[in-house]
Amino acid sequence: MSAFSRIGHTIAAEFSDVADIESATIIILRLGLAVVLGAAIGYERERRGKDAGLRTHMLVTLGAALFTLVPVTSGMPATDISRVIQGVVAGIGFLGAGAILKRDEERQVKGLTTAASIWVAAAIGVAVGYGRETTAVVSTVFALFVLAIVRRLEK
């Protein structure tokens, strides 16, 4: 076997996690949906001039979906997937904490809604990655309701 042939076989083996068209469709659908749902929330935050906007929310949902999708499609036991999700939730807490600012002179805390929207975006990404697309879409609609409609009721 020539060197080029071995290289070709090695490259093919590296992409063996996508065994068939069904697997490829699941990967593309779930990751694409995660990006779209994150964009919906991110667009709302971007329109309001918030620091965590479109790209941030898209990346959060994509990352959470990816962290969940890989173990789910690899056949990992549910108990181990639960630990992966726990790691995502803990990591997102750090990202959300970066959005929160306390202003001593004003005795106000800013960024709580942004932090919460990042947290919800991660949960939506986890739902998509786990194959719960309907739950993710409904959750996104509820999140947009809270961010856009409930905001008006607060004023």
Protein backbone atom coordinates (compact mmCIF):
# COMPACT_ATOMS: atom_id res chain seq x y z
CA MET A 1 0.00 0.00 0.00
CA SER A 2 1.42 3.37 -1.01
CA ALA A 3 1.81 6.32 1.34
CA PHE A 4 -0.98 8.23 -0.41
CA SER A 5 -3.32 5.27 -0.11
CA ARG A 6 -2.58 4.96 3.64
CA ILE A 7 -3.17 8.68 4.06
CA GLY A 8 -6.50 8.35 2.24
CA HIS A 9 -7.58 5.44 4.45
CA THR A 10 -6.55 7.35 7.58
CA ILE A 11 -8.56 10.40 6.54
CA ALA A 12 -11.59 8.21 5.78
CA ALA A 13 -11.27 6.52 9.19
CA GLU A 14 -11.16 9.90 10.93
CA PHE A 15 -14.56 10.77 9.43
CA SER A 16 -16.09 7.38 10.24
CA ASP A 17 -18.39 8.85 12.90
CA VAL A 18 -20.79 9.68 10.07
CA ALA A 19 -21.57 6.19 8.86
CA ASP A 20 -24.56 6.97 6.65
CA ILE A 21 -26.74 9.73 5.25
CA GLU A 22 -29.13 9.47 8.21
CA SER A 23 -26.32 10.25 10.67
CA ALA A 24 -25.15 13.17 8.56
CA THR A 25 -28.72 14.50 8.38
CA ILE A 26 -29.10 14.32 12.17
CA ILE A 27 -25.83 16.19 12.72
CA ILE A 28 -26.62 18.92 10.20
CA LEU A 29 -30.24 19.30 11.33
CA ARG A 30 -29.49 19.50 15.04
CA LEU A 31 -26.50 21.82 14.79
CA GLY A 32 -28.27 24.00 12.23
CA LEU A 33 -31.39 24.24 14.37
CA ALA A 34 -29.29 25.15 17.40
CA VAL A 35 -27.72 28.03 15.47
CA VAL A 36 -31.12 29.27 14.22
CA LEU A 37 -32.72 29.16 17.68
CA GLY A 38 -29.72 30.88 19.22
CA ALA A 39 -29.95 33.52 16.50
CA ALA A 40 -33.59 34.18 17.35
CA ILE A 41 -32.75 34.95 20.98
CA GLY A 42 -29.52 36.72 20.07
CA TYR A 43 -31.26 38.95 17.56
CA GLU A 44 -33.68 40.12 20.22
CA ARG A 45 -30.78 40.92 22.58
CA GLU A 46 -28.81 42.61 19.77
CA ARG A 47 -31.77 44.86 18.93
CA ARG A 48 -31.79 46.02 22.53
CA GLY A 49 -28.10 46.87 22.36
CA LYS A 50 -27.00 44.23 24.86
CA ASP A 51 -23.39 43.05 25.00
CA ALA A 52 -24.30 39.40 24.51
CA GLY A 53 -26.13 39.51 21.21
CA LEU A 54 -26.54 37.54 18.03
CA ARG A 55 -23.18 35.81 17.72
CA THR A 56 -22.85 35.05 21.42
CA HIS A 57 -26.22 33.32 21.62
CA MET A 58 -25.64 31.44 18.36
CA LEU A 59 -22.32 30.14 19.65
CA VAL A 60 -23.75 29.20 23.04
CA THR A 61 -26.57 27.13 21.52
CA LEU A 62 -24.20 25.58 18.98
CA GLY A 63 -21.62 24.68 21.62
CA ALA A 64 -24.20 23.23 24.02
CA ALA A 65 -25.77 21.21 21.19
CA LEU A 66 -22.38 19.89 20.12
CA PHE A 67 -21.38 18.94 23.67
CA THR A 68 -24.63 16.97 23.92
CA LEU A 69 -24.84 15.60 20.38
CA VAL A 70 -21.47 13.87 20.37
CA PRO A 71 -22.06 11.65 23.42
CA VAL A 72 -25.70 10.99 22.45
CA THR A 73 -24.79 9.82 18.94
CA SER A 74 -21.81 7.88 20.24
CA GLY A 75 -24.01 5.63 22.35
CA MET A 76 -22.78 6.95 25.68
CA PRO A 77 -24.93 5.85 28.66
CA ALA A 78 -27.48 8.39 29.91
CA THR A 79 -25.68 8.71 33.26
CA ASP A 80 -22.51 9.83 31.50
CA ILE A 81 -24.44 12.21 29.24
CA SER A 82 -25.92 13.70 32.40
CA ARG A 83 -22.40 14.53 33.59
CA VAL A 84 -21.62 16.19 30.26
CA ILE A 85 -24.75 18.33 30.59
CA GLN A 86 -23.77 19.24 34.16
CA GLY A 87 -20.43 20.46 32.81
CA VAL A 88 -22.17 22.59 30.19
CA VAL A 89 -24.44 24.15 32.81
CA ALA A 90 -21.51 24.91 35.12
CA GLY A 91 -19.45 26.40 32.29
CA ILE A 92 -22.30 28.59 31.12
CA GLY A 93 -22.58 29.92 34.66
CA PHE A 94 -19.13 31.43 34.29
CA LEU A 95 -20.03 33.02 30.96
CA GLY A 96 -23.26 34.42 32.39
CA ALA A 97 -21.45 35.75 35.46
CA GLY A 98 -19.26 37.81 33.14
CA ALA A 99 -22.37 39.61 31.90
CA ILE A 100 -23.42 40.72 35.39
CA LEU A 101 -22.15 44.04 36.72
CA LYS A 102 -22.79 45.50 40.13
CA ARG A 103 -22.60 49.26 40.32
CA ASP A 104 -21.94 50.31 43.88
CA GLU A 105 -22.60 53.97 43.29
CA GLU A 106 -26.06 53.22 41.92
CA ARG A 107 -26.77 50.17 44.09
CA GLN A 108 -27.92 48.39 40.95
CA VAL A 109 -27.12 45.08 39.36
CA LYS A 110 -26.99 45.08 35.55
CA GLY A 111 -26.89 42.17 33.15
CA LEU A 112 -29.06 39.63 34.98
CA THR A 113 -31.44 39.22 32.04
CA THR A 114 -28.52 38.86 29.64
CA ALA A 115 -26.98 36.21 31.89
CA ALA A 116 -30.32 34.43 32.08
CA SER A 117 -30.74 34.54 28.30
CA ILE A 118 -27.29 32.94 27.88
CA TRP A 119 -28.30 30.25 30.37
CA VAL A 120 -31.57 29.58 28.53
CA ALA A 121 -29.72 29.51 25.19
CA ALA A 122 -27.44 26.80 26.55
CA ALA A 123 -30.44 24.79 27.75
CA ILE A 124 -32.01 25.11 24.31
CA GLY A 125 -28.77 23.91 22.74
CA VAL A 126 -28.70 20.90 25.08
CA ALA A 127 -32.30 20.06 24.14
CA VAL A 128 -31.49 20.22 20.44
CA GLY A 129 -28.33 18.14 20.85
CA TYR A 130 -30.29 15.52 22.78
CA GLY A 131 -32.83 15.26 19.97
CA ARG A 132 -35.62 17.18 21.65
CA GLU A 133 -36.16 19.65 18.83
CA THR A 134 -39.80 20.40 19.61
CA THR A 135 -38.94 21.17 23.23
CA ALA A 136 -36.17 23.48 22.03
CA VAL A 137 -38.42 25.35 19.60
CA VAL A 138 -41.20 25.79 22.19
CA SER A 139 -38.63 26.94 24.77
CA THR A 140 -37.27 29.49 22.32
CA VAL A 141 -40.76 30.88 21.73
CA PHE A 142 -41.27 31.18 25.49
CA ALA A 143 -37.86 32.85 25.92
CA LEU A 144 -38.69 35.38 23.21
CA PHE A 145 -42.04 36.02 24.87
CA VAL A 146 -40.33 36.75 28.17
CA LEU A 147 -37.64 38.93 26.59
CA ALA A 148 -39.89 40.92 24.25
CA ILE A 149 -43.41 40.91 25.67
CA VAL A 150 -42.94 40.65 29.43
CA ARG A 151 -40.36 43.43 29.21
CA ARG A 152 -43.11 45.77 28.01
CA LEU A 153 -45.35 44.76 30.90
CA GLU A 154 -42.63 45.64 33.43
CA LYS A 155 -42.56 49.28 32.36
